[in-house]
């Protein structure tokens, strides 16, 4: 878990690492990072804060690509599917809807 303090509307957020991988391709290095992100501040009604899961891929073409996942297990499986897609072993994954 990593806490980041910022100066914008989100004064603090917490990152929950799920998976990190690096691939080396003829065009350079490709980084695949999956993590959860949540506000550090407790919610006003006492409910647990929600965590949003994302997979970011940088180093592919000119722009980063990203996916949103609904839950930790979706993010874990999604990360693996992104790796399979990037290595030619599977189709491009579709994000799992938050539920």
N, C-alpha and C. Protein backbone atom coordinates (compact mmCIF):
# COMPACT_ATOMS: atom_id res chain seq x y z
N UNK A 1 0.84 -1.17 0.00
CA UNK A 1 0.00 0.00 0.00
C UNK A 1 0.89 1.24 0.00
N UNK A 2 0.55 2.23 -0.82
CA UNK A 2 1.30 3.46 -0.93
C UNK A 2 0.32 4.61 -0.76
N UNK A 3 0.64 5.57 0.10
CA UNK A 3 -0.20 6.75 0.26
C UNK A 3 0.47 7.92 -0.44
N UNK A 4 -0.29 8.62 -1.27
CA UNK A 4 0.23 9.76 -2.02
C UNK A 4 -0.50 11.01 -1.54
N UNK A 5 0.26 12.03 -1.22
CA UNK A 5 -0.34 13.30 -0.83
C UNK A 5 -0.21 14.27 -1.99
N UNK A 6 -1.33 14.88 -2.38
CA UNK A 6 -1.33 15.79 -3.51
C UNK A 6 -1.80 17.16 -3.11
N UNK A 7 -1.89 18.05 -4.08
CA UNK A 7 -2.30 19.41 -3.81
C UNK A 7 -3.63 19.74 -4.46
N UNK A 8 -4.26 18.81 -5.14
CA UNK A 8 -5.52 19.07 -5.82
C UNK A 8 -6.70 18.73 -4.94
N UNK A 9 -7.83 18.41 -5.61
CA UNK A 9 -9.04 18.07 -4.88
C UNK A 9 -8.85 16.83 -4.03
N UNK A 10 -8.08 15.89 -4.54
CA UNK A 10 -7.78 14.70 -3.74
C UNK A 10 -6.50 14.98 -2.95
N UNK A 11 -6.67 15.30 -1.68
CA UNK A 11 -5.50 15.58 -0.87
C UNK A 11 -4.66 14.34 -0.63
N UNK A 12 -5.35 13.21 -0.54
CA UNK A 12 -4.63 11.96 -0.31
C UNK A 12 -5.34 10.84 -1.06
N UNK A 13 -4.56 9.88 -1.51
CA UNK A 13 -5.13 8.67 -2.06
C UNK A 13 -4.19 7.53 -1.72
N UNK A 14 -4.76 6.34 -1.69
CA UNK A 14 -3.99 5.15 -1.37
C UNK A 14 -3.98 4.23 -2.58
N UNK A 15 -2.80 3.76 -2.97
CA UNK A 15 -2.66 2.81 -4.06
C UNK A 15 -2.44 1.42 -3.48
N UNK A 16 -3.19 0.47 -4.00
CA UNK A 16 -3.07 -0.93 -3.59
C UNK A 16 -2.51 -1.72 -4.77
N UNK A 17 -1.23 -2.05 -4.77
CA UNK A 17 -0.66 -2.80 -5.90
C UNK A 17 -1.31 -4.17 -6.06
N UNK A 18 -1.59 -4.53 -7.30
CA UNK A 18 -2.14 -5.84 -7.63
C UNK A 18 -1.08 -6.63 -8.38
N UNK A 19 -0.52 -6.05 -9.45
CA UNK A 19 0.50 -6.75 -10.24
C UNK A 19 1.28 -5.75 -11.08
N UNK A 20 2.56 -6.03 -11.31
CA UNK A 20 3.43 -5.24 -12.17
C UNK A 20 4.23 -6.19 -13.04
N UNK A 21 4.33 -5.85 -14.33
CA UNK A 21 5.15 -6.63 -15.26
C UNK A 21 5.82 -5.69 -16.24
N UNK A 22 6.95 -6.12 -16.77
CA UNK A 22 7.67 -5.38 -17.80
C UNK A 22 7.98 -6.35 -18.93
N UNK A 23 7.66 -5.94 -20.15
CA UNK A 23 7.99 -6.72 -21.34
C UNK A 23 9.00 -5.93 -22.16
N UNK A 24 9.93 -6.62 -22.78
CA UNK A 24 10.90 -5.97 -23.65
C UNK A 24 10.58 -6.34 -25.08
N UNK A 25 10.29 -5.33 -25.88
CA UNK A 25 9.89 -5.51 -27.27
C UNK A 25 10.89 -4.79 -28.17
N UNK A 26 10.88 -5.08 -29.48
CA UNK A 26 11.81 -4.40 -30.39
C UNK A 26 11.71 -2.87 -30.32
N UNK A 27 10.52 -2.34 -30.04
CA UNK A 27 10.35 -0.89 -29.97
C UNK A 27 10.68 -0.29 -28.61
N UNK A 28 11.00 -1.11 -27.63
CA UNK A 28 11.32 -0.60 -26.31
C UNK A 28 10.63 -1.37 -25.21
N UNK A 29 10.59 -0.78 -24.06
CA UNK A 29 10.05 -1.41 -22.86
C UNK A 29 8.56 -1.12 -22.73
N UNK A 30 7.78 -2.13 -22.35
CA UNK A 30 6.34 -2.01 -22.13
C UNK A 30 6.09 -2.33 -20.66
N UNK A 31 5.43 -1.42 -19.95
CA UNK A 31 5.14 -1.60 -18.52
C UNK A 31 3.65 -1.83 -18.34
N UNK A 32 3.29 -2.89 -17.62
CA UNK A 32 1.90 -3.22 -17.32
C UNK A 32 1.77 -3.15 -15.80
N UNK A 33 0.93 -2.25 -15.34
CA UNK A 33 0.78 -2.04 -13.89
C UNK A 33 -0.69 -2.06 -13.54
N UNK A 34 -1.07 -2.91 -12.59
CA UNK A 34 -2.45 -3.00 -12.12
C UNK A 34 -2.48 -2.65 -10.64
N UNK A 35 -3.39 -1.78 -10.28
CA UNK A 35 -3.48 -1.33 -8.91
C UNK A 35 -4.90 -0.90 -8.57
N UNK A 36 -5.18 -0.80 -7.30
CA UNK A 36 -6.43 -0.22 -6.81
C UNK A 36 -6.12 1.15 -6.27
N UNK A 37 -7.07 2.06 -6.36
CA UNK A 37 -6.88 3.41 -5.83
C UNK A 37 -8.13 3.79 -5.03
N UNK A 38 -7.89 4.42 -3.86
CA UNK A 38 -9.00 4.85 -3.01
C UNK A 38 -8.58 6.12 -2.29
N UNK A 39 -9.54 6.91 -1.95
CA UNK A 39 -9.31 8.11 -1.15
C UNK A 39 -8.96 7.68 0.27
N UNK A 40 -8.01 8.35 0.89
CA UNK A 40 -7.62 8.02 2.25
C UNK A 40 -8.70 8.46 3.23
N UNK A 41 -9.41 9.54 2.91
CA UNK A 41 -10.42 10.07 3.83
C UNK A 41 -11.56 9.08 4.02
N UNK A 42 -12.00 8.93 5.25
CA UNK A 42 -13.13 8.07 5.55
C UNK A 42 -14.40 8.72 5.02
N UNK A 43 -15.34 7.90 4.60
CA UNK A 43 -16.60 8.45 4.10
C UNK A 43 -17.41 9.01 5.26
N UNK A 44 -18.24 10.00 4.99
CA UNK A 44 -19.02 10.69 6.02
C UNK A 44 -20.02 9.76 6.70
N UNK A 45 -20.53 8.77 5.98
CA UNK A 45 -21.55 7.89 6.55
C UNK A 45 -20.97 6.65 7.22
N UNK A 46 -19.66 6.55 7.30
CA UNK A 46 -19.03 5.43 7.99
C UNK A 46 -18.86 4.18 7.16
N UNK A 47 -19.34 4.18 5.92
CA UNK A 47 -19.17 3.00 5.06
C UNK A 47 -17.73 2.93 4.58
N UNK A 48 -17.23 1.74 4.32
CA UNK A 48 -15.87 1.62 3.81
C UNK A 48 -15.75 2.32 2.46
N UNK A 49 -14.61 2.92 2.22
CA UNK A 49 -14.40 3.60 0.93
C UNK A 49 -14.23 2.57 -0.17
N UNK A 50 -14.69 2.91 -1.35
CA UNK A 50 -14.57 1.96 -2.46
C UNK A 50 -13.19 2.09 -3.10
N UNK A 51 -12.77 1.00 -3.67
CA UNK A 51 -11.48 0.95 -4.37
C UNK A 51 -11.76 0.76 -5.85
N UNK A 52 -11.16 1.61 -6.67
CA UNK A 52 -11.29 1.49 -8.12
C UNK A 52 -10.02 0.82 -8.64
N UNK A 53 -10.18 -0.21 -9.45
CA UNK A 53 -9.04 -0.96 -9.97
C UNK A 53 -8.76 -0.60 -11.41
N UNK A 54 -7.48 -0.47 -11.75
CA UNK A 54 -7.07 -0.06 -13.08
C UNK A 54 -5.84 -0.86 -13.52
N UNK A 55 -5.76 -1.10 -14.81
CA UNK A 55 -4.54 -1.63 -15.42
C UNK A 55 -4.08 -0.59 -16.43
N UNK A 56 -2.84 -0.15 -16.30
CA UNK A 56 -2.24 0.82 -17.22
C UNK A 56 -1.12 0.13 -17.99
N UNK A 57 -1.07 0.38 -19.29
CA UNK A 57 0.01 -0.13 -20.13
C UNK A 57 0.68 1.07 -20.77
N UNK A 58 1.97 1.23 -20.54
CA UNK A 58 2.72 2.31 -21.18
C UNK A 58 3.81 1.69 -22.04
N UNK A 59 4.17 2.39 -23.10
CA UNK A 59 5.20 1.91 -24.01
C UNK A 59 4.64 1.23 -25.24
N UNK A 60 3.31 1.14 -25.37
CA UNK A 60 2.68 0.57 -26.55
C UNK A 60 2.17 1.74 -27.39
N UNK A 61 2.65 1.80 -28.61
CA UNK A 61 2.31 2.90 -29.50
C UNK A 61 2.69 4.22 -28.84
N UNK A 62 1.96 5.29 -29.10
CA UNK A 62 2.33 6.59 -28.57
C UNK A 62 1.60 6.96 -27.29
N UNK A 63 0.52 6.25 -26.96
CA UNK A 63 -0.28 6.62 -25.80
C UNK A 63 -0.45 5.43 -24.87
N UNK A 64 -0.60 5.72 -23.58
CA UNK A 64 -0.88 4.61 -22.66
C UNK A 64 -2.27 4.06 -22.90
N UNK A 65 -2.46 2.80 -22.62
CA UNK A 65 -3.77 2.15 -22.69
C UNK A 65 -4.14 1.77 -21.28
N UNK A 66 -5.44 1.79 -20.97
CA UNK A 66 -5.86 1.41 -19.63
C UNK A 66 -7.20 0.72 -19.64
N UNK A 67 -7.42 -0.06 -18.58
CA UNK A 67 -8.65 -0.80 -18.37
C UNK A 67 -9.13 -0.53 -16.95
N UNK A 68 -10.42 -0.54 -16.75
CA UNK A 68 -11.03 -0.41 -15.42
C UNK A 68 -11.61 -1.77 -15.04
N UNK A 69 -11.48 -2.12 -13.77
CA UNK A 69 -12.00 -3.39 -13.28
C UNK A 69 -12.88 -3.13 -12.06
N UNK A 70 -13.84 -4.01 -11.83
CA UNK A 70 -14.79 -3.82 -10.75
C UNK A 70 -14.31 -4.25 -9.38
N UNK A 71 -13.50 -5.29 -9.31
CA UNK A 71 -13.09 -5.86 -8.03
C UNK A 71 -11.65 -6.37 -8.14
N UNK A 72 -11.07 -6.72 -6.99
CA UNK A 72 -9.69 -7.19 -6.95
C UNK A 72 -9.48 -8.40 -7.86
N UNK A 73 -10.35 -9.40 -7.75
CA UNK A 73 -10.17 -10.62 -8.55
C UNK A 73 -10.32 -10.32 -10.04
N UNK A 74 -11.22 -9.40 -10.42
CA UNK A 74 -11.35 -8.99 -11.82
C UNK A 74 -10.05 -8.34 -12.29
N UNK A 75 -9.46 -7.50 -11.43
CA UNK A 75 -8.21 -6.82 -11.78
C UNK A 75 -7.08 -7.82 -11.94
N UNK A 76 -7.02 -8.81 -11.07
CA UNK A 76 -5.96 -9.83 -11.15
C UNK A 76 -6.07 -10.62 -12.45
N UNK A 77 -7.31 -11.06 -12.76
CA UNK A 77 -7.52 -11.80 -14.01
C UNK A 77 -7.31 -10.90 -15.22
N UNK A 78 -7.78 -9.66 -15.12
CA UNK A 78 -7.61 -8.71 -16.23
C UNK A 78 -6.15 -8.44 -16.54
N UNK A 79 -5.34 -8.30 -15.50
CA UNK A 79 -3.90 -8.09 -15.70
C UNK A 79 -3.30 -9.24 -16.51
N UNK A 80 -3.67 -10.46 -16.12
CA UNK A 80 -3.16 -11.64 -16.83
C UNK A 80 -3.63 -11.64 -18.29
N UNK A 81 -4.88 -11.24 -18.54
CA UNK A 81 -5.40 -11.20 -19.91
C UNK A 81 -4.70 -10.12 -20.74
N UNK A 82 -4.37 -8.99 -20.12
CA UNK A 82 -3.61 -7.96 -20.83
C UNK A 82 -2.24 -8.50 -21.23
N UNK A 83 -1.58 -9.22 -20.32
CA UNK A 83 -0.29 -9.84 -20.65
C UNK A 83 -0.43 -10.82 -21.82
N UNK A 84 -1.47 -11.63 -21.79
CA UNK A 84 -1.68 -12.60 -22.87
C UNK A 84 -1.91 -11.88 -24.19
N UNK A 85 -2.66 -10.78 -24.17
CA UNK A 85 -2.91 -10.01 -25.40
C UNK A 85 -1.61 -9.41 -25.93
N UNK A 86 -0.81 -8.82 -25.04
CA UNK A 86 0.43 -8.17 -25.47
C UNK A 86 1.45 -9.17 -26.00
N UNK A 87 1.40 -10.40 -25.53
CA UNK A 87 2.35 -11.42 -26.00
C UNK A 87 1.78 -12.28 -27.12
N UNK A 88 0.59 -11.92 -27.62
CA UNK A 88 0.00 -12.63 -28.75
C UNK A 88 -0.67 -13.94 -28.40
N UNK A 89 -0.94 -14.19 -27.13
CA UNK A 89 -1.56 -15.45 -26.72
C UNK A 89 -3.06 -15.34 -26.44
N UNK A 90 -3.65 -14.16 -26.69
CA UNK A 90 -5.06 -13.99 -26.42
C UNK A 90 -5.60 -12.72 -27.05
N UNK A 91 -6.93 -12.58 -27.08
CA UNK A 91 -7.53 -11.37 -27.66
C UNK A 91 -7.37 -10.17 -26.72
N UNK A 92 -7.60 -8.97 -27.24
CA UNK A 92 -7.56 -7.77 -26.42
C UNK A 92 -8.67 -7.87 -25.37
N UNK A 93 -8.33 -7.71 -24.11
CA UNK A 93 -9.35 -7.88 -23.05
C UNK A 93 -10.33 -6.72 -23.01
N UNK A 94 -11.52 -7.04 -22.54
CA UNK A 94 -12.54 -6.02 -22.30
C UNK A 94 -12.63 -5.79 -20.80
N UNK A 95 -12.84 -4.54 -20.38
CA UNK A 95 -12.95 -4.28 -18.94
C UNK A 95 -14.19 -4.91 -18.35
N UNK A 96 -14.10 -5.28 -17.08
CA UNK A 96 -15.22 -5.84 -16.36
C UNK A 96 -16.00 -4.68 -15.74
N UNK A 97 -17.30 -4.66 -15.91
CA UNK A 97 -18.11 -3.57 -15.37
C UNK A 97 -18.10 -3.61 -13.85
N UNK A 98 -18.02 -2.42 -13.25
CA UNK A 98 -18.07 -2.33 -11.80
C UNK A 98 -19.44 -2.78 -11.31
N UNK A 99 -19.45 -3.53 -10.22
CA UNK A 99 -20.71 -4.06 -9.74
C UNK A 99 -20.89 -3.93 -8.28
